[in-house]
Amino acid sequence: MGFQKGNKVGGRRKGSVNKTTAELRQAVNQIVCESIEDMVNDLSELCPETRIRLIIQLLDFVLPKQKVQQDRDHVEMPLFPDLIN
C-alpha cells in the first residue's frame, strides 16, 4: 500500500509553534522585562516631541490595529443641505 493523498507523516502539527521561535520569544521577553526600568528612565530624558513620537510608535506593539468598518446602510448626506439647489 503506497502513500495516500491527505496522510501527513512527521513534522509539526498545524498551529504548533516552532521550538526556536518559542525560545527566541522567551529570551527577548526576559531581556525586555529586565530592562523596563532603564527604558522608562531613558524615555524620560528625551525631549517631549521625541518622547511622544516614540510612544506612538510603541503603541503598534501593544494595541491591536482597528479594522475599518463600513456601514452598508450608510447614505451619504450633504453637510449643508440648505445650500443645494
PDB file of N, CA and C in Angstrom:
ATOM      1  N   MET A   1       0.850  -1.165   0.000  1.00  0.00           N
ATOM      2  CA  MET A   1       0.000   0.000   0.000  1.00  0.00           C
ATOM      3  C   MET A   1       0.901   1.236   0.000  1.00  0.00           C
ATOM      4  N   GLY A   2       0.767   2.129  -0.954  1.00  0.00           N
ATOM      5  CA  GLY A   2       1.592   3.321  -1.089  1.00  0.00           C
ATOM      6  C   GLY A   2       1.030   4.501  -0.335  1.00  0.00           C
ATOM      7  N   PHE A   3       1.670   5.616  -0.540  1.00  0.00           N
ATOM      8  CA  PHE A   3       1.244   6.857   0.103  1.00  0.00           C
ATOM      9  C   PHE A   3      -0.100   7.299  -0.452  1.00  0.00           C
ATOM     10  N   GLN A   4      -0.996   7.663   0.439  1.00  0.00           N
ATOM     11  CA  GLN A   4      -2.298   8.157   0.019  1.00  0.00           C
ATOM     12  C   GLN A   4      -2.364   9.651   0.295  1.00  0.00           C
ATOM     13  N   LYS A   5      -2.911  10.399  -0.636  1.00  0.00           N
ATOM     14  CA  LYS A   5      -3.029  11.840  -0.502  1.00  0.00           C
ATOM     15  C   LYS A   5      -3.834  12.177   0.754  1.00  0.00           C
ATOM     16  N   GLY A   6      -3.328  13.154   1.506  1.00  0.00           N
ATOM     17  CA  GLY A   6      -4.016  13.577   2.728  1.00  0.00           C
ATOM     18  C   GLY A   6      -3.413  12.988   3.984  1.00  0.00           C
ATOM     19  N   ASN A   7      -2.601  11.950   3.862  1.00  0.00           N
ATOM     20  CA  ASN A   7      -1.943  11.372   5.029  1.00  0.00           C
ATOM     21  C   ASN A   7      -0.641  12.118   5.273  1.00  0.00           C
ATOM     22  N   LYS A   8      -0.547  12.802   6.403  1.00  0.00           N
ATOM     23  CA  LYS A   8       0.659  13.552   6.728  1.00  0.00           C
ATOM     24  C   LYS A   8       1.491  12.723   7.686  1.00  0.00           C
ATOM     25  N   VAL A   9       2.744  12.569   7.362  1.00  0.00           N
ATOM     26  CA  VAL A   9       3.637  11.786   8.198  1.00  0.00           C
ATOM     27  C   VAL A   9       4.761  12.701   8.672  1.00  0.00           C
ATOM     28  N   GLY A  10       4.919  12.829   9.989  1.00  0.00           N
ATOM     29  CA  GLY A  10       6.007  13.615  10.549  1.00  0.00           C
ATOM     30  C   GLY A  10       5.725  15.105  10.521  1.00  0.00           C
ATOM     31  N   GLY A  11       6.669  15.878  11.031  1.00  0.00           N
ATOM     32  CA  GLY A  11       6.531  17.329  11.040  1.00  0.00           C
ATOM     33  C   GLY A  11       5.692  17.812  12.203  1.00  0.00           C
ATOM     34  N   ARG A  12       5.563  19.122  12.275  1.00  0.00           N
ATOM     35  CA  ARG A  12       4.756  19.720  13.344  1.00  0.00           C
ATOM     36  C   ARG A  12       3.283  19.678  12.995  1.00  0.00           C
ATOM     37  N   ARG A  13       2.482  19.689  14.025  1.00  0.00           N
ATOM     38  CA  ARG A  13       1.044  19.776  13.811  1.00  0.00           C
ATOM     39  C   ARG A  13       0.682  21.204  13.422  1.00  0.00           C
ATOM     40  N   LYS A  14      -0.390  21.366  12.725  1.00  0.00           N
ATOM     41  CA  LYS A  14      -0.846  22.676  12.296  1.00  0.00           C
ATOM     42  C   LYS A  14      -1.103  23.549  13.516  1.00  0.00           C
ATOM     43  N   GLY A  15      -0.535  24.767  13.487  1.00  0.00           N
ATOM     44  CA  GLY A  15      -0.733  25.708  14.572  1.00  0.00           C
ATOM     45  C   GLY A  15       0.286  25.614  15.688  1.00  0.00           C
ATOM     46  N   SER A  16       1.140  24.592  15.685  1.00  0.00           N
ATOM     47  CA  SER A  16       2.136  24.484  16.741  1.00  0.00           C
ATOM     48  C   SER A  16       3.274  25.471  16.494  1.00  0.00           C
ATOM     49  N   VAL A  17       3.887  25.951  17.584  1.00  0.00           N
ATOM     50  CA  VAL A  17       4.924  26.963  17.495  1.00  0.00           C
ATOM     51  C   VAL A  17       6.279  26.297  17.293  1.00  0.00           C
ATOM     52  N   ASN A  18       7.080  26.875  16.418  1.00  0.00           N
ATOM     53  CA  ASN A  18       8.424  26.411  16.181  1.00  0.00           C
ATOM     54  C   ASN A  18       9.212  26.535  17.489  1.00  0.00           C
ATOM     55  N   LYS A  19       9.998  25.503  17.843  1.00  0.00           N
ATOM     56  CA  LYS A  19      10.730  25.488  19.108  1.00  0.00           C
ATOM     57  C   LYS A  19      11.714  26.659  19.180  1.00  0.00           C
ATOM     58  N   THR A  20      12.425  26.920  18.090  1.00  0.00           N
ATOM     59  CA  THR A  20      13.389  28.019  18.067  1.00  0.00           C
ATOM     60  C   THR A  20      12.688  29.357  18.249  1.00  0.00           C
ATOM     61  N   THR A  21      11.555  29.538  17.597  1.00  0.00           N
ATOM     62  CA  THR A  21      10.792  30.779  17.730  1.00  0.00           C
ATOM     63  C   THR A  21      10.326  30.970  19.165  1.00  0.00           C
ATOM     64  N   ALA A  22       9.852  29.916  19.792  1.00  0.00           N
ATOM     65  CA  ALA A  22       9.385  29.999  21.181  1.00  0.00           C
ATOM     66  C   ALA A  22      10.535  30.364  22.107  1.00  0.00           C
ATOM     67  N   GLU A  23      11.718  29.779  21.890  1.00  0.00           N
ATOM     68  CA  GLU A  23      12.878  30.088  22.728  1.00  0.00           C
ATOM     69  C   GLU A  23      13.321  31.537  22.530  1.00  0.00           C
ATOM     70  N   LEU A  24      13.295  32.003  21.279  1.00  0.00           N
ATOM     71  CA  LEU A  24      13.686  33.377  20.984  1.00  0.00           C
ATOM     72  C   LEU A  24      12.712  34.365  21.630  1.00  0.00           C
ATOM     73  N   ARG A  25      11.428  34.093  21.540  1.00  0.00           N
ATOM     74  CA  ARG A  25      10.433  34.969  22.160  1.00  0.00           C
ATOM     75  C   ARG A  25      10.632  35.037  23.664  1.00  0.00           C
ATOM     76  N   GLN A  26      10.930  33.905  24.273  1.00  0.00           N
ATOM     77  CA  GLN A  26      11.142  33.868  25.719  1.00  0.00           C
ATOM     78  C   GLN A  26      12.385  34.675  26.096  1.00  0.00           C
ATOM     79  N   ALA A  27      13.460  34.566  25.318  1.00  0.00           N
ATOM     80  CA  ALA A  27      14.691  35.309  25.598  1.00  0.00           C
ATOM     81  C   ALA A  27      14.467  36.809  25.449  1.00  0.00           C
ATOM     82  N   VAL A  28      13.777  37.234  24.379  1.00  0.00           N
ATOM     83  CA  VAL A  28      13.501  38.648  24.167  1.00  0.00           C
ATOM     84  C   VAL A  28      12.597  39.180  25.282  1.00  0.00           C
ATOM     85  N   ASN A  29      11.612  38.398  25.674  1.00  0.00           N
ATOM     86  CA  ASN A  29      10.706  38.787  26.757  1.00  0.00           C
ATOM     87  C   ASN A  29      11.491  39.006  28.049  1.00  0.00           C
ATOM     88  N   GLN A  30      12.430  38.131  28.347  1.00  0.00           N
ATOM     89  CA  GLN A  30      13.235  38.263  29.561  1.00  0.00           C
ATOM     90  C   GLN A  30      14.104  39.523  29.510  1.00  0.00           C
ATOM     91  N   ILE A  31      14.717  39.791  28.361  1.00  0.00           N
ATOM     92  CA  ILE A  31      15.548  40.988  28.206  1.00  0.00           C
ATOM     93  C   ILE A  31      14.715  42.247  28.416  1.00  0.00           C
ATOM     94  N   VAL A  32      13.540  42.295  27.803  1.00  0.00           N
ATOM     95  CA  VAL A  32      12.676  43.470  27.924  1.00  0.00           C
ATOM     96  C   VAL A  32      12.208  43.650  29.366  1.00  0.00           C
ATOM     97  N   CYS A  33      11.802  42.571  30.010  1.00  0.00           N
ATOM     98  CA  CYS A  33      11.317  42.662  31.393  1.00  0.00           C
ATOM     99  C   CYS A  33      12.408  43.166  32.332  1.00  0.00           C
ATOM    100  N   GLU A  34      13.637  42.739  32.101  1.00  0.00           N
ATOM    101  CA  GLU A  34      14.743  43.159  32.957  1.00  0.00           C
ATOM    102  C   GLU A  34      15.168  44.599  32.668  1.00  0.00           C
ATOM    103  N   SER A  35      14.788  45.147  31.516  1.00  0.00           N
ATOM    104  CA  SER A  35      15.245  46.473  31.103  1.00  0.00           C
ATOM    105  C   SER A  35      14.167  47.549  31.190  1.00  0.00           C
ATOM    106  N   ILE A  36      13.012  47.216  31.689  1.00  0.00           N
ATOM    107  CA  ILE A  36      11.897  48.172  31.677  1.00  0.00           C
ATOM    108  C   ILE A  36      12.237  49.439  32.457  1.00  0.00           C
ATOM    109  N   GLU A  37      12.803  49.300  33.626  1.00  0.00           N
ATOM    110  CA  GLU A  37      13.119  50.475  34.447  1.00  0.00           C
ATOM    111  C   GLU A  37      14.121  51.383  33.720  1.00  0.00           C
ATOM    112  N   ASP A  38      15.143  50.786  33.094  1.00  0.00           N
ATOM    113  CA  ASP A  38      16.117  51.578  32.331  1.00  0.00           C
ATOM    114  C   ASP A  38      15.452  52.278  31.151  1.00  0.00           C
ATOM    115  N   MET A  39      14.534  51.578  30.480  1.00  0.00           N
ATOM    116  CA  MET A  39      13.860  52.175  29.325  1.00  0.00           C
ATOM    117  C   MET A  39      12.988  53.360  29.749  1.00  0.00           C
ATOM    118  N   VAL A  40      12.317  53.243  30.885  1.00  0.00           N
ATOM    119  CA  VAL A  40      11.480  54.343  31.382  1.00  0.00           C
ATOM    120  C   VAL A  40      12.354  55.547  31.712  1.00  0.00           C
ATOM    121  N   ASN A  41      13.495  55.305  32.356  1.00  0.00           N
ATOM    122  CA  ASN A  41      14.415  56.410  32.670  1.00  0.00           C
ATOM    123  C   ASN A  41      14.945  57.062  31.395  1.00  0.00           C
ATOM    124  N   ASP A  42      15.319  56.243  30.409  1.00  0.00           N
ATOM    125  CA  ASP A  42      15.816  56.782  29.135  1.00  0.00           C
ATOM    126  C   ASP A  42      14.734  57.587  28.427  1.00  0.00           C
ATOM    127  N   LEU A  43      13.511  57.090  28.490  1.00  0.00           N
ATOM    128  CA  LEU A  43      12.399  57.769  27.835  1.00  0.00           C
ATOM    129  C   LEU A  43      12.137  59.135  28.464  1.00  0.00           C
ATOM    130  N   SER A  44      12.278  59.221  29.775  1.00  0.00           N
ATOM    131  CA  SER A  44      12.019  60.498  30.460  1.00  0.00           C
ATOM    132  C   SER A  44      13.091  61.540  30.139  1.00  0.00           C
ATOM    133  N   GLU A  45      14.253  61.118  29.670  1.00  0.00           N
ATOM    134  CA  GLU A  45      15.323  62.048  29.325  1.00  0.00           C
ATOM    135  C   GLU A  45      15.173  62.639  27.926  1.00  0.00           C
ATOM    136  N   LEU A  46      14.276  62.103  27.129  1.00  0.00           N
ATOM    137  CA  LEU A  46      14.079  62.601  25.769  1.00  0.00           C
ATOM    138  C   LEU A  46      13.275  63.903  25.790  1.00  0.00           C
ATOM    139  N   CYS A  47      13.420  64.674  24.718  1.00  0.00           N
ATOM    140  CA  CYS A  47      12.600  65.873  24.610  1.00  0.00           C
ATOM    141  C   CYS A  47      11.144  65.450  24.380  1.00  0.00           C
ATOM    142  N   PRO A  48      10.181  66.281  24.752  1.00  0.00           N
ATOM    143  CA  PRO A  48       8.762  65.888  24.676  1.00  0.00           C
ATOM    144  C   PRO A  48       8.321  65.422  23.289  1.00  0.00           C
ATOM    145  N   GLU A  49       8.766  66.101  22.239  1.00  0.00           N
ATOM    146  CA  GLU A  49       8.344  65.721  20.890  1.00  0.00           C
ATOM    147  C   GLU A  49       8.834  64.326  20.529  1.00  0.00           C
ATOM    148  N   THR A  50      10.094  64.038  20.810  1.00  0.00           N
ATOM    149  CA  THR A  50      10.663  62.721  20.515  1.00  0.00           C
ATOM    150  C   THR A  50      10.013  61.649  21.380  1.00  0.00           C
ATOM    151  N   ARG A  51       9.762  61.973  22.649  1.00  0.00           N
ATOM    152  CA  ARG A  51       9.150  61.013  23.565  1.00  0.00           C
ATOM    153  C   ARG A  51       7.752  60.626  23.080  1.00  0.00           C
ATOM    154  N   ILE A  52       6.956  61.601  22.657  1.00  0.00           N
ATOM    155  CA  ILE A  52       5.599  61.322  22.172  1.00  0.00           C
ATOM    156  C   ILE A  52       5.645  60.494  20.897  1.00  0.00           C
ATOM    157  N   ARG A  53       6.564  60.842  19.991  1.00  0.00           N
ATOM    158  CA  ARG A  53       6.688  60.097  18.733  1.00  0.00           C
ATOM    159  C   ARG A  53       7.055  58.634  19.007  1.00  0.00           C
ATOM    160  N   LEU A  54       7.974  58.414  19.937  1.00  0.00           N
ATOM    161  CA  LEU A  54       8.383  57.053  20.279  1.00  0.00           C
ATOM    162  C   LEU A  54       7.247  56.280  20.943  1.00  0.00           C
ATOM    163  N   ILE A  55       6.522  56.924  21.834  1.00  0.00           N
ATOM    164  CA  ILE A  55       5.388  56.263  22.496  1.00  0.00           C
ATOM    165  C   ILE A  55       4.333  55.856  21.471  1.00  0.00           C
ATOM    166  N   ILE A  56       4.061  56.719  20.507  1.00  0.00           N
ATOM    167  CA  ILE A  56       3.081  56.400  19.459  1.00  0.00           C
ATOM    168  C   ILE A  56       3.554  55.201  18.646  1.00  0.00           C
ATOM    169  N   GLN A  57       4.841  55.148  18.343  1.00  0.00           N
ATOM    170  CA  GLN A  57       5.369  54.008  17.595  1.00  0.00           C
ATOM    171  C   GLN A  57       5.286  52.723  18.412  1.00  0.00           C
ATOM    172  N   LEU A  58       5.502  52.822  19.717  1.00  0.00           N
ATOM    173  CA  LEU A  58       5.436  51.640  20.574  1.00  0.00           C
ATOM    174  C   LEU A  58       4.010  51.118  20.728  1.00  0.00           C
ATOM    175  N   LEU A  59       3.022  51.981  20.553  1.00  0.00           N
ATOM    176  CA  LEU A  59       1.627  51.549  20.671  1.00  0.00           C
ATOM    177  C   LEU A  59       1.272  50.475  19.648  1.00  0.00           C
ATOM    178  N   ASP A  60       1.959  50.473  18.504  1.00  0.00           N
ATOM    179  CA  ASP A  60       1.700  49.452  17.483  1.00  0.00           C
ATOM    180  C   ASP A  60       1.977  48.042  18.014  1.00  0.00           C
ATOM    181  N   PHE A  61       2.845  47.935  19.007  1.00  0.00           N
ATOM    182  CA  PHE A  61       3.186  46.623  19.566  1.00  0.00           C
ATOM    183  C   PHE A  61       2.278  46.231  20.720  1.00  0.00           C
ATOM    184  N   VAL A  62       1.472  47.170  21.207  1.00  0.00           N
ATOM    185  CA  VAL A  62       0.642  46.916  22.387  1.00  0.00           C
ATOM    186  C   VAL A  62      -0.841  46.826  22.037  1.00  0.00           C
ATOM    187  N   LEU A  63      -1.299  47.779  21.234  1.00  0.00           N
ATOM    188  CA  LEU A  63      -2.716  47.838  20.899  1.00  0.00           C
ATOM    189  C   LEU A  63      -2.996  47.147  19.575  1.00  0.00           C
ATOM    190  N   PRO A  64      -4.121  46.437  19.476  1.00  0.00           N
ATOM    191  CA  PRO A  64      -4.468  45.822  18.191  1.00  0.00           C
ATOM    192  C   PRO A  64      -4.863  46.883  17.172  1.00  0.00           C
ATOM    193  N   LYS A  65      -4.606  46.597  15.920  1.00  0.00           N
ATOM    194  CA  LYS A  65      -4.998  47.514  14.845  1.00  0.00           C
ATOM    195  C   LYS A  65      -6.515  47.504  14.716  1.00  0.00           C
ATOM    196  N   GLN A  66      -7.084  48.674  14.521  1.00  0.00           N
ATOM    197  CA  GLN A  66      -8.530  48.783  14.346  1.00  0.00           C
ATOM    198  C   GLN A  66      -8.877  48.508  12.885  1.00  0.00           C
ATOM    199  N   LYS A  67      -9.875  47.686  12.677  1.00  0.00           N
ATOM    200  CA  LYS A  67     -10.344  47.429  11.325  1.00  0.00           C
ATOM    201  C   LYS A  67     -11.281  48.549  10.895  1.00  0.00           C
ATOM    202  N   VAL A  68     -11.178  48.902   9.637  1.00  0.00           N
ATOM    203  CA  VAL A  68     -12.074  49.917   9.100  1.00  0.00           C
ATOM    204  C   VAL A  68     -13.414  49.249   8.849  1.00  0.00           C
ATOM    205  N   GLN A  69     -14.444  49.790   9.451  1.00  0.00           N
ATOM    206  CA  GLN A  69     -15.778  49.222   9.284  1.00  0.00           C
ATOM    207  C   GLN A  69     -16.617  50.167   8.443  1.00  0.00           C
ATOM    208  N   GLN A  70     -17.249  49.597   7.461  1.00  0.00           N
ATOM    209  CA  GLN A  70     -18.117  50.393   6.607  1.00  0.00           C
ATOM    210  C   GLN A  70     -19.555  49.979   6.853  1.00  0.00           C
ATOM    211  N   ASP A  71     -20.375  50.970   7.044  1.00  0.00           N
ATOM    212  CA  ASP A  71     -21.798  50.720   7.263  1.00  0.00           C
ATOM    213  C   ASP A  71     -22.457  50.555   5.897  1.00  0.00           C
ATOM    214  N   ARG A  72     -22.991  49.388   5.636  1.00  0.00           N
ATOM    215  CA  ARG A  72     -23.604  49.116   4.322  1.00  0.00           C
ATOM    216  C   ARG A  72     -24.884  49.913   4.104  1.00  0.00           C
ATOM    217  N   ASP A  73     -25.533  50.300   5.198  1.00  0.00           N
ATOM    218  CA  ASP A  73     -26.785  51.052   5.081  1.00  0.00           C
ATOM    219  C   ASP A  73     -26.540  52.554   5.110  1.00  0.00           C
ATOM    220  N   HIS A  74     -25.286  52.947   5.164  1.00  0.00           N
ATOM    221  CA  HIS A  74     -24.943  54.366   5.264  1.00  0.00           C
ATOM    222  C   HIS A  74     -25.260  55.082   3.953  1.00  0.00           C
ATOM    223  N   VAL A  75     -25.949  56.195   4.076  1.00  0.00           N
ATOM    224  CA  VAL A  75     -26.276  57.021   2.914  1.00  0.00           C
ATOM    225  C   VAL A  75     -25.535  58.341   3.087  1.00  0.00           C
ATOM    226  N   GLU A  76     -24.770  58.746   2.086  1.00  0.00           N
ATOM    227  CA  GLU A  76     -24.015  59.986   2.149  1.00  0.00           C
ATOM    228  C   GLU A  76     -24.981  61.160   2.117  1.00  0.00           C
ATOM    229  N   MET A  77     -24.907  61.993   3.141  1.00  0.00           N
ATOM    230  CA  MET A  77     -25.774  63.156   3.236  1.00  0.00           C
ATOM    231  C   MET A  77     -24.924  64.402   3.063  1.00  0.00           C
ATOM    232  N   PRO A  78     -25.447  65.436   2.421  1.00  0.00           N
ATOM    233  CA  PRO A  78     -24.683  66.677   2.273  1.00  0.00           C
ATOM    234  C   PRO A  78     -24.491  67.356   3.614  1.00  0.00           C
ATOM    235  N   LEU A  79     -23.377  68.054   3.758  1.00  0.00           N
ATOM    236  CA  LEU A  79     -23.074  68.720   5.009  1.00  0.00           C
ATOM    237  C   LEU A  79     -24.005  69.913   5.242  1.00  0.00           C
ATOM    238  N   PHE A  80     -24.302  70.658   4.174  1.00  0.00           N
ATOM    239  CA  PHE A  80     -25.204  71.802   4.253  1.00  0.00           C
ATOM    240  C   PHE A  80     -26.345  71.614   3.244  1.00  0.00           C
ATOM    241  N   PRO A  81     -27.405  70.905   3.638  1.00  0.00           N
ATOM    242  CA  PRO A  81     -28.479  70.599   2.690  1.00  0.00           C
ATOM    243  C   PRO A  81     -29.247  71.851   2.189  1.00  0.00           C
ATOM    244  N   ASP A  82     -29.239  72.941   2.968  1.00  0.00           N
ATOM    245  CA  ASP A  82     -29.958  74.148   2.568  1.00  0.00           C
ATOM    246  C   ASP A  82     -29.303  74.843   1.403  1.00  0.00           C
ATOM    247  N   LEU A  83     -28.021  74.599   1.163  1.00  0.00           N
ATOM    248  CA  LEU A  83     -27.296  75.296   0.099  1.00  0.00           C
ATOM    249  C   LEU A  83     -27.397  74.586  -1.253  1.00  0.00           C
ATOM    250  N   ILE A  84     -27.952  73.379  -1.263  1.00  0.00           N
ATOM    251  CA  ILE A  84     -28.075  72.625  -2.514  1.00  0.00           C
ATOM    252  C   ILE A  84     -29.357  73.025  -3.235  1.00  0.00           C
ATOM    253  N   ASN A  85     -29.232  73.358  -4.518  1.00  0.00           N
ATOM    254  CA  ASN A  85     -30.435  73.769  -5.303  1.00  0.00           C
ATOM    255  C   ASN A  85     -30.966  72.620  -6.100  1.00  0.00           C
TER     256      ASN A  85
END
